[in-house]
Amino acid sequence: MLEKYLIIILSGLDQKGKMIVGLNFAKNVSRKKLADDVKVVFFGPSEEALAEHDPDVDNLMHMLTDLNVIQIACNGYAAAKNVTEDIAKIGIRLEDVSDTITRYAEQGYKIITF
């Protein structure tokens, strides 16, 4: 049995390189079938970055969607920054990620942050 990964993207466009590295990691682990499951959680400034539709980020988001990598964003942060609608339009699930992160940790997912 392979591992399960929960990739948490915290970095925004001010740290775009870090965000891109995290998204590429999720893409490559999924594409190469190096894990049984990969999920990506966007939390904090990364959610604002999603709403800005940076072409590099959008391209990787489409690739993750094509690979069936589930993407989740924090509903509380999105609401506070008024980006809920922008994130929902992309097709990303909005949840209380404090519950999401602890649930996946309890299920044995390895957590990696970028």
PDB file of N, CA and C in Angstrom:
ATOM      1  N   MET A   1       0.828  -1.179   0.000  1.00  0.00           N
ATOM      2  CA  MET A   1       0.000   0.000   0.000  1.00  0.00           C
ATOM      3  C   MET A   1       0.883   1.258   0.000  1.00  0.00           C
ATOM      4  N   LEU A   2       0.526   2.182  -0.863  1.00  0.00           N
ATOM      5  CA  LEU A   2       1.249   3.437  -0.941  1.00  0.00           C
ATOM      6  C   LEU A   2       0.720   4.432   0.095  1.00  0.00           C
ATOM      7  N   GLU A   3       1.385   5.555   0.190  1.00  0.00           N
ATOM      8  CA  GLU A   3       1.009   6.588   1.150  1.00  0.00           C
ATOM      9  C   GLU A   3      -0.170   7.419   0.645  1.00  0.00           C
ATOM     10  N   LYS A   4      -0.737   8.214   1.550  1.00  0.00           N
ATOM     11  CA  LYS A   4      -1.772   9.189   1.224  1.00  0.00           C
ATOM     12  C   LYS A   4      -1.230  10.546   1.669  1.00  0.00           C
ATOM     13  N   TYR A   5      -1.378  11.550   0.802  1.00  0.00           N
ATOM     14  CA  TYR A   5      -0.838  12.878   1.099  1.00  0.00           C
ATOM     15  C   TYR A   5      -1.912  13.943   1.086  1.00  0.00           C
ATOM     16  N   LEU A   6      -1.841  14.814   2.076  1.00  0.00           N
ATOM     17  CA  LEU A   6      -2.653  16.017   2.123  1.00  0.00           C
ATOM     18  C   LEU A   6      -1.681  17.178   1.967  1.00  0.00           C
ATOM     19  N   ILE A   7      -1.740  17.822   0.826  1.00  0.00           N
ATOM     20  CA  ILE A   7      -0.847  18.935   0.520  1.00  0.00           C
ATOM     21  C   ILE A   7      -1.582  20.223   0.895  1.00  0.00           C
ATOM     22  N   ILE A   8      -1.006  20.986   1.810  1.00  0.00           N
ATOM     23  CA  ILE A   8      -1.616  22.242   2.228  1.00  0.00           C
ATOM     24  C   ILE A   8      -0.827  23.385   1.606  1.00  0.00           C
ATOM     25  N   ILE A   9      -1.516  24.178   0.800  1.00  0.00           N
ATOM     26  CA  ILE A   9      -0.897  25.333   0.156  1.00  0.00           C
ATOM     27  C   ILE A   9      -1.304  26.569   0.956  1.00  0.00           C
ATOM     28  N   LEU A  10      -0.340  27.179   1.602  1.00  0.00           N
ATOM     29  CA  LEU A  10      -0.557  28.381   2.399  1.00  0.00           C
ATOM     30  C   LEU A  10      -0.057  29.628   1.676  1.00  0.00           C
ATOM     31  N   SER A  11       0.934  29.468   0.839  1.00  0.00           N
ATOM     32  CA  SER A  11       1.597  30.595   0.185  1.00  0.00           C
ATOM     33  C   SER A  11       0.702  31.252  -0.848  1.00  0.00           C
ATOM     34  N   GLY A  12       0.809  32.568  -0.930  1.00  0.00           N
ATOM     35  CA  GLY A  12       0.082  33.335  -1.934  1.00  0.00           C
ATOM     36  C   GLY A  12       0.993  33.726  -3.075  1.00  0.00           C
ATOM     37  N   LEU A  13       0.531  34.642  -3.897  1.00  0.00           N
ATOM     38  CA  LEU A  13       1.322  35.053  -5.067  1.00  0.00           C
ATOM     39  C   LEU A  13       2.588  35.796  -4.687  1.00  0.00           C
ATOM     40  N   ASP A  14       2.665  36.330  -3.454  1.00  0.00           N
ATOM     41  CA  ASP A  14       3.916  36.959  -3.015  1.00  0.00           C
ATOM     42  C   ASP A  14       5.009  35.910  -2.839  1.00  0.00           C
ATOM     43  N   GLN A  15       4.606  34.641  -2.745  1.00  0.00           N
ATOM     44  CA  GLN A  15       5.535  33.506  -2.687  1.00  0.00           C
ATOM     45  C   GLN A  15       5.109  32.496  -3.747  1.00  0.00           C
ATOM     46  N   LYS A  16       4.905  33.001  -4.938  1.00  0.00           N
ATOM     47  CA  LYS A  16       4.366  32.183  -6.028  1.00  0.00           C
ATOM     48  C   LYS A  16       5.210  30.933  -6.273  1.00  0.00           C
ATOM     49  N   GLY A  17       6.512  31.060  -6.181  1.00  0.00           N
ATOM     50  CA  GLY A  17       7.378  29.906  -6.408  1.00  0.00           C
ATOM     51  C   GLY A  17       7.054  28.758  -5.477  1.00  0.00           C
ATOM     52  N   LYS A  18       6.804  29.061  -4.219  1.00  0.00           N
ATOM     53  CA  LYS A  18       6.459  28.043  -3.231  1.00  0.00           C
ATOM     54  C   LYS A  18       5.104  27.404  -3.561  1.00  0.00           C
ATOM     55  N   MET A  19       4.172  28.236  -3.978  1.00  0.00           N
ATOM     56  CA  MET A  19       2.849  27.743  -4.351  1.00  0.00           C
ATOM     57  C   MET A  19       2.948  26.801  -5.550  1.00  0.00           C
ATOM     58  N   ILE A  20       3.718  27.195  -6.560  1.00  0.00           N
ATOM     59  CA  ILE A  20       3.899  26.389  -7.776  1.00  0.00           C
ATOM     60  C   ILE A  20       4.572  25.061  -7.446  1.00  0.00           C
ATOM     61  N   VAL A  21       5.578  25.100  -6.572  1.00  0.00           N
ATOM     62  CA  VAL A  21       6.275  23.866  -6.187  1.00  0.00           C
ATOM     63  C   VAL A  21       5.293  22.903  -5.517  1.00  0.00           C
ATOM     64  N   GLY A  22       4.449  23.407  -4.623  1.00  0.00           N
ATOM     65  CA  GLY A  22       3.475  22.552  -3.953  1.00  0.00           C
ATOM     66  C   GLY A  22       2.470  21.948  -4.913  1.00  0.00           C
ATOM     67  N   LEU A  23       1.974  22.754  -5.843  1.00  0.00           N
ATOM     68  CA  LEU A  23       1.011  22.251  -6.834  1.00  0.00           C
ATOM     69  C   LEU A  23       1.664  21.237  -7.765  1.00  0.00           C
ATOM     70  N   ASN A  24       2.907  21.494  -8.150  1.00  0.00           N
ATOM     71  CA  ASN A  24       3.630  20.534  -8.998  1.00  0.00           C
ATOM     72  C   ASN A  24       3.897  19.236  -8.250  1.00  0.00           C
ATOM     73  N   PHE A  25       4.204  19.332  -6.961  1.00  0.00           N
ATOM     74  CA  PHE A  25       4.409  18.123  -6.168  1.00  0.00           C
ATOM     75  C   PHE A  25       3.142  17.275  -6.180  1.00  0.00           C
ATOM     76  N   ALA A  26       2.001  17.905  -5.907  1.00  0.00           N
ATOM     77  CA  ALA A  26       0.723  17.181  -5.907  1.00  0.00           C
ATOM     78  C   ALA A  26       0.463  16.565  -7.275  1.00  0.00           C
ATOM     79  N   LYS A  27       0.707  17.325  -8.329  1.00  0.00           N
ATOM     80  CA  LYS A  27       0.485  16.838  -9.695  1.00  0.00           C
ATOM     81  C   LYS A  27       1.368  15.636  -9.993  1.00  0.00           C
ATOM     82  N   ASN A  28       2.646  15.739  -9.684  1.00  0.00           N
ATOM     83  CA  ASN A  28       3.586  14.671 -10.033  1.00  0.00           C
ATOM     84  C   ASN A  28       3.364  13.402  -9.220  1.00  0.00           C
ATOM     85  N   VAL A  29       3.067  13.547  -7.937  1.00  0.00           N
ATOM     86  CA  VAL A  29       2.806  12.366  -7.105  1.00  0.00           C
ATOM     87  C   VAL A  29       1.566  11.642  -7.616  1.00  0.00           C
ATOM     88  N   SER A  30       0.557  12.403  -7.990  1.00  0.00           N
ATOM     89  CA  SER A  30      -0.666  11.795  -8.518  1.00  0.00           C
ATOM     90  C   SER A  30      -0.431  11.187  -9.897  1.00  0.00           C
ATOM     91  N   ARG A  31       0.185  11.954 -10.782  1.00  0.00           N
ATOM     92  CA  ARG A  31       0.407  11.504 -12.167  1.00  0.00           C
ATOM     93  C   ARG A  31       1.268  10.245 -12.227  1.00  0.00           C
ATOM     94  N   LYS A  32       2.285  10.188 -11.367  1.00  0.00           N
ATOM     95  CA  LYS A  32       3.198   9.044 -11.349  1.00  0.00           C
ATOM     96  C   LYS A  32       2.685   7.890 -10.487  1.00  0.00           C
ATOM     97  N   LYS A  33       1.513   8.094  -9.880  1.00  0.00           N
ATOM     98  CA  LYS A  33       0.910   7.075  -9.012  1.00  0.00           C
ATOM     99  C   LYS A  33       1.853   6.663  -7.873  1.00  0.00           C
ATOM    100  N   LEU A  34       2.463   7.686  -7.255  1.00  0.00           N
ATOM    101  CA  LEU A  34       3.370   7.457  -6.145  1.00  0.00           C
ATOM    102  C   LEU A  34       2.645   7.427  -4.798  1.00  0.00           C
ATOM    103  N   ALA A  35       1.339   7.601  -4.844  1.00  0.00           N
ATOM    104  CA  ALA A  35       0.519   7.576  -3.636  1.00  0.00           C
ATOM    105  C   ALA A  35      -0.843   6.996  -3.972  1.00  0.00           C
ATOM    106  N   ASP A  36      -1.494   6.449  -2.952  1.00  0.00           N
ATOM    107  CA  ASP A  36      -2.858   5.955  -3.136  1.00  0.00           C
ATOM    108  C   ASP A  36      -3.838   7.104  -3.306  1.00  0.00           C
ATOM    109  N   ASP A  37      -3.551   8.226  -2.654  1.00  0.00           N
ATOM    110  CA  ASP A  37      -4.452   9.365  -2.735  1.00  0.00           C
ATOM    111  C   ASP A  37      -3.676  10.648  -2.462  1.00  0.00           C
ATOM    112  N   VAL A  38      -4.059  11.701  -3.168  1.00  0.00           N
ATOM    113  CA  VAL A  38      -3.484  13.028  -2.978  1.00  0.00           C
ATOM    114  C   VAL A  38      -4.638  14.018  -2.954  1.00  0.00           C
ATOM    115  N   LYS A  39      -4.640  14.862  -1.934  1.00  0.00           N
ATOM    116  CA  LYS A  39      -5.627  15.925  -1.833  1.00  0.00           C
ATOM    117  C   LYS A  39      -4.874  17.230  -1.589  1.00  0.00           C
ATOM    118  N   VAL A  40      -5.442  18.336  -2.073  1.00  0.00           N
ATOM    119  CA  VAL A  40      -4.820  19.650  -1.894  1.00  0.00           C
ATOM    120  C   VAL A  40      -5.791  20.546  -1.141  1.00  0.00           C
ATOM    121  N   VAL A  41      -5.276  21.177  -0.085  1.00  0.00           N
ATOM    122  CA  VAL A  41      -6.054  22.139   0.688  1.00  0.00           C
ATOM    123  C   VAL A  41      -5.420  23.514   0.517  1.00  0.00           C
ATOM    124  N   PHE A  42      -6.250  24.488   0.168  1.00  0.00           N
ATOM    125  CA  PHE A  42      -5.813  25.877   0.069  1.00  0.00           C
ATOM    126  C   PHE A  42      -6.280  26.591   1.322  1.00  0.00           C
ATOM    127  N   PHE A  43      -5.351  27.301   1.951  1.00  0.00           N
ATOM    128  CA  PHE A  43      -5.646  27.929   3.229  1.00  0.00           C
ATOM    129  C   PHE A  43      -4.918  29.260   3.279  1.00  0.00           C
ATOM    130  N   GLY A  44      -5.589  30.289   3.677  1.00  0.00           N
ATOM    131  CA  GLY A  44      -4.952  31.595   3.822  1.00  0.00           C
ATOM    132  C   GLY A  44      -4.674  32.261   2.487  1.00  0.00           C
ATOM    133  N   PRO A  45      -3.499  32.899   2.366  1.00  0.00           N
ATOM    134  CA  PRO A  45      -3.179  33.682   1.175  1.00  0.00           C
ATOM    135  C   PRO A  45      -3.297  32.914  -0.152  1.00  0.00           C
ATOM    136  N   SER A  46      -3.174  31.614  -0.104  1.00  0.00           N
ATOM    137  CA  SER A  46      -3.304  30.845  -1.350  1.00  0.00           C
ATOM    138  C   SER A  46      -4.707  30.989  -1.929  1.00  0.00           C
ATOM    139  N   GLU A  47      -5.688  31.206  -1.075  1.00  0.00           N
ATOM    140  CA  GLU A  47      -7.062  31.369  -1.555  1.00  0.00           C
ATOM    141  C   GLU A  47      -7.234  32.675  -2.324  1.00  0.00           C
ATOM    142  N   GLU A  48      -6.576  33.707  -1.849  1.00  0.00           N
ATOM    143  CA  GLU A  48      -6.614  34.978  -2.577  1.00  0.00           C
ATOM    144  C   GLU A  48      -5.919  34.828  -3.931  1.00  0.00           C
ATOM    145  N   ALA A  49      -4.860  34.045  -3.958  1.00  0.00           N
ATOM    146  CA  ALA A  49      -4.149  33.796  -5.211  1.00  0.00           C
ATOM    147  C   ALA A  49      -5.047  33.083  -6.218  1.00  0.00           C
ATOM    148  N   LEU A  50      -5.840  32.136  -5.746  1.00  0.00           N
ATOM    149  CA  LEU A  50      -6.765  31.434  -6.646  1.00  0.00           C
ATOM    150  C   LEU A  50      -7.733  32.414  -7.294  1.00  0.00           C
ATOM    151  N   ALA A  51      -8.210  33.369  -6.523  1.00  0.00           N
ATOM    152  CA  ALA A  51      -9.191  34.340  -7.018  1.00  0.00           C
ATOM    153  C   ALA A  51      -8.581  35.298  -8.042  1.00  0.00           C
ATOM    154  N   GLU A  52      -7.260  35.429  -8.038  1.00  0.00           N
ATOM    155  CA  GLU A  52      -6.597  36.336  -8.982  1.00  0.00           C
ATOM    156  C   GLU A  52      -6.355  35.689 -10.344  1.00  0.00           C
ATOM    157  N   HIS A  53      -6.544  34.410 -10.454  1.00  0.00           N
ATOM    158  CA  HIS A  53      -6.425  33.671 -11.717  1.00  0.00           C
ATOM    159  C   HIS A  53      -5.081  33.875 -12.418  1.00  0.00           C
ATOM    160  N   ASP A  54      -4.021  33.690 -11.661  1.00  0.00           N
ATOM    161  CA  ASP A  54      -2.685  33.707 -12.255  1.00  0.00           C
ATOM    162  C   ASP A  54      -2.610  32.558 -13.266  1.00  0.00           C
ATOM    163  N   PRO A  55      -2.121  32.815 -14.496  1.00  0.00           N
ATOM    164  CA  PRO A  55      -2.125  31.765 -15.521  1.00  0.00           C
ATOM    165  C   PRO A  55      -1.337  30.508 -15.137  1.00  0.00           C
ATOM    166  N   ASP A  56      -0.227  30.651 -14.447  1.00  0.00           N
ATOM    167  CA  ASP A  56       0.564  29.481 -14.047  1.00  0.00           C
ATOM    168  C   ASP A  56      -0.193  28.639 -13.020  1.00  0.00           C
ATOM    169  N   VAL A  57      -0.820  29.310 -12.070  1.00  0.00           N
ATOM    170  CA  VAL A  57      -1.596  28.613 -11.052  1.00  0.00           C
ATOM    171  C   VAL A  57      -2.817  27.960 -11.692  1.00  0.00           C
ATOM    172  N   ASP A  58      -3.531  28.709 -12.534  1.00  0.00           N
ATOM    173  CA  ASP A  58      -4.718  28.161 -13.203  1.00  0.00           C
ATOM    174  C   ASP A  58      -4.378  26.916 -14.022  1.00  0.00           C
ATOM    175  N   ASN A  59      -3.258  26.939 -14.704  1.00  0.00           N
ATOM    176  CA  ASN A  59      -2.838  25.800 -15.519  1.00  0.00           C
ATOM    177  C   ASN A  59      -2.638  24.560 -14.648  1.00  0.00           C
ATOM    178  N   LEU A  60      -1.968  24.727 -13.521  1.00  0.00           N
ATOM    179  CA  LEU A  60      -1.747  23.593 -12.617  1.00  0.00           C
ATOM    180  C   LEU A  60      -3.054  23.129 -11.990  1.00  0.00           C
ATOM    181  N   MET A  61      -3.947  24.060 -11.706  1.00  0.00           N
ATOM    182  CA  MET A  61      -5.248  23.679 -11.155  1.00  0.00           C
ATOM    183  C   MET A  61      -6.018  22.801 -12.143  1.00  0.00           C
ATOM    184  N   HIS A  62      -5.971  23.153 -13.415  1.00  0.00           N
ATOM    185  CA  HIS A  62      -6.640  22.332 -14.442  1.00  0.00           C
ATOM    186  C   HIS A  62      -6.023  20.939 -14.506  1.00  0.00           C
ATOM    187  N   MET A  63      -4.698  20.869 -14.403  1.00  0.00           N
ATOM    188  CA  MET A  63      -4.025  19.571 -14.423  1.00  0.00           C
ATOM    189  C   MET A  63      -4.448  18.719 -13.231  1.00  0.00           C
ATOM    190  N   LEU A  64      -4.529  19.328 -12.050  1.00  0.00           N
ATOM    191  CA  LEU A  64      -4.956  18.580 -10.858  1.00  0.00           C
ATOM    192  C   LEU A  64      -6.390  18.084 -11.013  1.00  0.00           C
ATOM    193  N   THR A  65      -7.238  18.912 -11.579  1.00  0.00           N
ATOM    194  CA  THR A  65      -8.625  18.504 -11.815  1.00  0.00           C
ATOM    195  C   THR A  65      -8.672  17.322 -12.778  1.00  0.00           C
ATOM    196  N   ASP A  66      -7.882  17.387 -13.852  1.00  0.00           N
ATOM    197  CA  ASP A  66      -7.830  16.292 -14.820  1.00  0.00           C
ATOM    198  C   ASP A  66      -7.333  14.985 -14.181  1.00  0.00           C
ATOM    199  N   LEU A  67      -6.501  15.109 -13.149  1.00  0.00           N
ATOM    200  CA  LEU A  67      -5.974  13.935 -12.443  1.00  0.00           C
ATOM    201  C   LEU A  67      -6.901  13.484 -11.309  1.00  0.00           C
ATOM    202  N   ASN A  68      -8.041  14.143 -11.172  1.00  0.00           N
ATOM    203  CA  ASN A  68      -9.014  13.842 -10.122  1.00  0.00           C
ATOM    204  C   ASN A  68      -8.466  14.058  -8.716  1.00  0.00           C
ATOM    205  N   VAL A  69      -7.562  15.014  -8.578  1.00  0.00           N
ATOM    206  CA  VAL A  69      -7.060  15.378  -7.259  1.00  0.00           C
ATOM    207  C   VAL A  69      -8.087  16.317  -6.628  1.00  0.00           C
ATOM    208  N   ILE A  70      -8.624  15.916  -5.497  1.00  0.00           N
ATOM    209  CA  ILE A  70      -9.627  16.728  -4.807  1.00  0.00           C
ATOM    210  C   ILE A  70      -8.961  17.971  -4.245  1.00  0.00           C
ATOM    211  N   GLN A  71      -9.615  19.114  -4.470  1.00  0.00           N
ATOM    212  CA  GLN A  71      -9.116  20.405  -4.012  1.00  0.00           C
ATOM    213  C   GLN A  71     -10.147  21.030  -3.088  1.00  0.00           C
ATOM    214  N   ILE A  72      -9.673  21.491  -1.944  1.00  0.00           N
ATOM    215  CA  ILE A  72     -10.540  22.037  -0.900  1.00  0.00           C
ATOM    216  C   ILE A  72      -9.956  23.374  -0.456  1.00  0.00           C
ATOM    217  N   ALA A  73     -10.826  24.347  -0.180  1.00  0.00           N
ATOM    218  CA  ALA A  73     -10.383  25.638   0.348  1.00  0.00           C
ATOM    219  C   ALA A  73     -11.147  25.937   1.631  1.00  0.00           C
ATOM    220  N   CYS A  74     -10.588  26.814   2.428  1.00  0.00           N
ATOM    221  CA  CYS A  74     -11.185  27.189   3.706  1.00  0.00           C
ATOM    222  C   CYS A  74     -12.338  28.164   3.497  1.00  0.00           C
ATOM    223  N   ASN A  75     -13.526  27.750   3.922  1.00  0.00           N
ATOM    224  CA  ASN A  75     -14.699  28.607   3.745  1.00  0.00           C
ATOM    225  C   ASN A  75     -14.628  29.870   4.603  1.00  0.00           C
ATOM    226  N   GLY A  76     -14.062  29.783   5.792  1.00  0.00           N
ATOM    227  CA  GLY A  76     -13.963  30.942   6.673  1.00  0.00           C
ATOM    228  C   GLY A  76     -13.039  32.012   6.131  1.00  0.00           C
ATOM    229  N   TYR A  77     -11.870  31.608   5.684  1.00  0.00           N
ATOM    230  CA  TYR A  77     -10.919  32.574   5.133  1.00  0.00           C
ATOM    231  C   TYR A  77     -11.462  33.171   3.840  1.00  0.00           C
ATOM    232  N   ALA A  78     -12.055  32.332   3.013  1.00  0.00           N
ATOM    233  CA  ALA A  78     -12.617  32.815   1.747  1.00  0.00           C
ATOM    234  C   ALA A  78     -13.692  33.867   2.001  1.00  0.00           C
ATOM    235  N   ALA A  79     -14.534  33.612   2.977  1.00  0.00           N
ATOM    236  CA  ALA A  79     -15.588  34.579   3.301  1.00  0.00           C
ATOM    237  C   ALA A  79     -14.994  35.875   3.838  1.00  0.00           C
ATOM    238  N   ALA A  80     -13.995  35.757   4.701  1.00  0.00           N
ATOM    239  CA  ALA A  80     -13.367  36.950   5.286  1.00  0.00           C
ATOM    240  C   ALA A  80     -12.692  37.817   4.231  1.00  0.00           C
ATOM    241  N   LYS A  81     -12.172  37.191   3.184  1.00  0.00           N
ATOM    242  CA  LYS A  81     -11.471  37.925   2.120  1.00  0.00           C
ATOM    243  C   LYS A  81     -12.358  38.161   0.904  1.00  0.00           C
ATOM    244  N   ASN A  82     -13.626  37.775   1.011  1.00  0.00           N
ATOM    245  CA  ASN A  82     -14.606  38.001  -0.051  1.00  0.00           C
ATOM    246  C   ASN A  82     -14.208  37.328  -1.376  1.00  0.00           C
ATOM    247  N   VAL A  83     -13.705  36.098  -1.294  1.00  0.00           N
ATOM    248  CA  VAL A  83     -13.323  35.362  -2.503  1.00  0.00           C
ATOM    249  C   VAL A  83     -14.081  34.034  -2.637  1.00  0.00           C
ATOM    250  N   THR A  84     -15.114  33.851  -1.824  1.00  0.00           N
ATOM    251  CA  THR A  84     -15.876  32.604  -1.843  1.00  0.00           C
ATOM    252  C   THR A  84     -16.413  32.288  -3.229  1.00  0.00           C
ATOM    253  N   GLU A  85     -17.045  33.256  -3.856  1.00  0.00           N
ATOM    254  CA  GLU A  85     -17.644  33.035  -5.176  1.00  0.00           C
ATOM    255  C   GLU A  85     -16.587  32.694  -6.223  1.00  0.00           C
ATOM    256  N   ASP A  86     -15.454  33.401  -6.193  1.00  0.00           N
ATOM    257  CA  ASP A  86     -14.369  33.130  -7.152  1.00  0.00           C
ATOM    258  C   ASP A  86     -13.842  31.708  -7.009  1.00  0.00           C
ATOM    259  N   ILE A  87     -13.694  31.261  -5.776  1.00  0.00           N
ATOM    260  CA  ILE A  87     -13.174  29.913  -5.528  1.00  0.00           C
ATOM    261  C   ILE A  87     -14.204  28.861  -5.932  1.00  0.00           C
ATOM    262  N   ALA A  88     -15.459  29.097  -5.599  1.00  0.00           N
ATOM    263  CA  ALA A  88     -16.519  28.143  -5.953  1.00  0.00           C
ATOM    264  C   ALA A  88     -16.636  27.990  -7.474  1.00  0.00           C
ATOM    265  N   LYS A  89     -16.463  29.078  -8.218  1.00  0.00           N
ATOM    266  CA  LYS A  89     -16.540  29.025  -9.688  1.00  0.00           C
ATOM    267  C   LYS A  89     -15.466  28.120 -10.284  1.00  0.00           C
ATOM    268  N   ILE A  90     -14.339  28.035  -9.620  1.00  0.00           N
ATOM    269  CA  ILE A  90     -13.239  27.183 -10.101  1.00  0.00           C
ATOM    270  C   ILE A  90     -13.588  25.712  -9.893  1.00  0.00           C
ATOM    271  N   GLY A  91     -14.512  25.434  -8.999  1.00  0.00           N
ATOM    272  CA  GLY A  91     -14.899  24.057  -8.722  1.00  0.00           C
ATOM    273  C   GLY A  91     -14.237  23.481  -7.491  1.00  0.00           C
ATOM    274  N   ILE A  92     -13.665  24.348  -6.670  1.00  0.00           N
ATOM    275  CA  ILE A  92     -13.008  23.899  -5.448  1.00  0.00           C
ATOM    276  C   ILE A  92     -14.038  23.857  -4.328  1.00  0.00           C
ATOM    277  N   ARG A  93     -14.032  22.756  -3.590  1.00  0.00           N
ATOM    278  CA  ARG A  93     -14.940  22.612  -2.443  1.00  0.00           C
ATOM    279  C   ARG A  93     -14.528  23.569  -1.336  1.00  0.00           C
ATOM    280  N   LEU A  94     -15.497  24.171  -0.692  1.00  0.00           N
ATOM    281  CA  LEU A  94     -15.239  25.032   0.460  1.00  0.00           C
ATOM    282  C   LEU A  94     -15.698  24.313   1.719  1.00  0.00           C
ATOM    283  N   GLU A  95     -14.792  24.216   2.685  1.00  0.00           N
ATOM    284  CA  GLU A  95     -15.078  23.519   3.939  1.00  0.00           C
ATOM    285  C   GLU A  95     -14.392  24.249   5.084  1.00  0.00           C
ATOM    286  N   ASP A  96     -14.757  23.877   6.296  1.00  0.00           N
ATOM    287  CA  ASP A  96     -14.017  24.328   7.466  1.00  0.00           C
ATOM    288  C   ASP A  96     -12.753  23.465   7.512  1.00  0.00           C
ATOM    289  N   VAL A  97     -11.640  24.025   7.061  1.00  0.00           N
ATOM    290  CA  VAL A  97     -10.445  23.181   6.896  1.00  0.00           C
ATOM    291  C   VAL A  97      -9.813  22.754   8.214  1.00  0.00           C
ATOM    292  N   SER A  98     -10.186  23.367   9.316  1.00  0.00           N
ATOM    293  CA  SER A  98      -9.682  22.833  10.585  1.00  0.00           C
ATOM    294  C   SER A  98     -10.253  21.431  10.795  1.00  0.00           C
ATOM    295  N   ASP A  99     -11.510  21.237  10.397  1.00  0.00           N
ATOM    296  CA  ASP A  99     -12.103  19.894  10.448  1.00  0.00           C
ATOM    297  C   ASP A  99     -11.484  18.989   9.389  1.00  0.00           C
ATOM    298  N   THR A 100     -11.291  19.533   8.194  1.00  0.00           N
ATOM    299  CA  THR A 100     -10.754  18.759   7.060  1.00  0.00           C
ATOM    300  C   THR A 100      -9.359  18.226   7.385  1.00  0.00           C
ATOM    301  N   ILE A 101      -8.499  19.107   7.850  1.00  0.00           N
ATOM    302  CA  ILE A 101      -7.106  18.719   8.109  1.00  0.00           C
ATOM    303  C   ILE A 101      -7.042  17.668   9.215  1.00  0.00           C
ATOM    304  N   THR A 102      -7.769  17.880  10.298  1.00  0.00           N
ATOM    305  CA  THR A 102      -7.720  16.889  11.387  1.00  0.00           C
ATOM    306  C   THR A 102      -8.324  15.558  10.954  1.00  0.00           C
ATOM    307  N   ARG A 103      -9.385  15.593  10.147  1.00  0.00           N
ATOM    308  CA  ARG A 103     -10.004  14.348   9.663  1.00  0.00           C
ATOM    309  C   ARG A 103      -9.000  13.539   8.832  1.00  0.00           C
ATOM    310  N   TYR A 104      -8.326  14.203   7.900  1.00  0.00           N
ATOM    311  CA  TYR A 104      -7.373  13.468   7.061  1.00  0.00           C
ATOM    312  C   TYR A 104      -6.143  13.021   7.860  1.00  0.00           C
ATOM    313  N   ALA A 105      -5.728  13.788   8.835  1.00  0.00           N
ATOM    314  CA  ALA A 105      -4.613  13.368   9.693  1.00  0.00           C
ATOM    315  C   ALA A 105      -4.992  12.099  10.451  1.00  0.00           C
ATOM    316  N   GLU A 106      -6.224  12.060  10.954  1.00  0.00           N
ATOM    317  CA  GLU A 106      -6.702  10.868  11.666  1.00  0.00           C
ATOM    318  C   GLU A 106      -6.790   9.658  10.749  1.00  0.00           C
ATOM    319  N   GLN A 107      -6.995   9.904   9.445  1.00  0.00           N
ATOM    320  CA  GLN A 107      -7.081   8.816   8.470  1.00  0.00           C
ATOM    321  C   GLN A 107      -5.703   8.387   7.955  1.00  0.00           C
ATOM    322  N   GLY A 108      -4.647   8.963   8.524  1.00  0.00           N
ATOM    323  CA  GLY A 108      -3.297   8.532   8.178  1.00  0.00           C
ATOM    324  C   GLY A 108      -2.649   9.266   7.015  1.00  0.00           C
ATOM    325  N   TYR A 109      -3.237  10.348   6.562  1.00  0.00           N
ATOM    326  CA  TYR A 109      -2.610  11.135   5.490  1.00  0.00           C
ATOM    327  C   TYR A 109      -1.365  11.818   6.022  1.00  0.00           C
ATOM    328  N   LYS A 110      -0.308  11.819   5.225  1.00  0.00           N
ATOM    329  CA  LYS A 110       0.888  12.589   5.557  1.00  0.00           C
ATOM    330  C   LYS A 110       0.628  14.013   5.106  1.00  0.00           C
ATOM    331  N   ILE A 111       0.919  14.959   5.970  1.00  0.00           N
ATOM    332  CA  ILE A 111       0.631  16.363   5.687  1.00  0.00           C
ATOM    333  C   ILE A 111       1.916  17.071   5.305  1.00  0.00           C
ATOM    334  N   ILE A 112       1.864  17.749   4.161  1.00  0.00           N
ATOM    335  CA  ILE A 112       3.009  18.515   3.660  1.00  0.00           C
ATOM    336  C   ILE A 112       2.503  19.921   3.361  1.00  0.00           C
ATOM    337  N   THR A 113       3.228  20.923   3.816  1.00  0.00           N
ATOM    338  CA  THR A 113       2.807  22.303   3.581  1.00  0.00           C
ATOM    339  C   THR A 113       3.775  23.040   2.660  1.00  0.00           C
ATOM    340  N   PHE A 114       3.204  23.917   1.883  1.00  0.00           N
ATOM    341  CA  PHE A 114       3.967  24.777   0.992  1.00  0.00           C
ATOM    342  C   PHE A 114       3.469  26.208   1.150  1.00  0.00           C
TER     343      PHE A 114
END
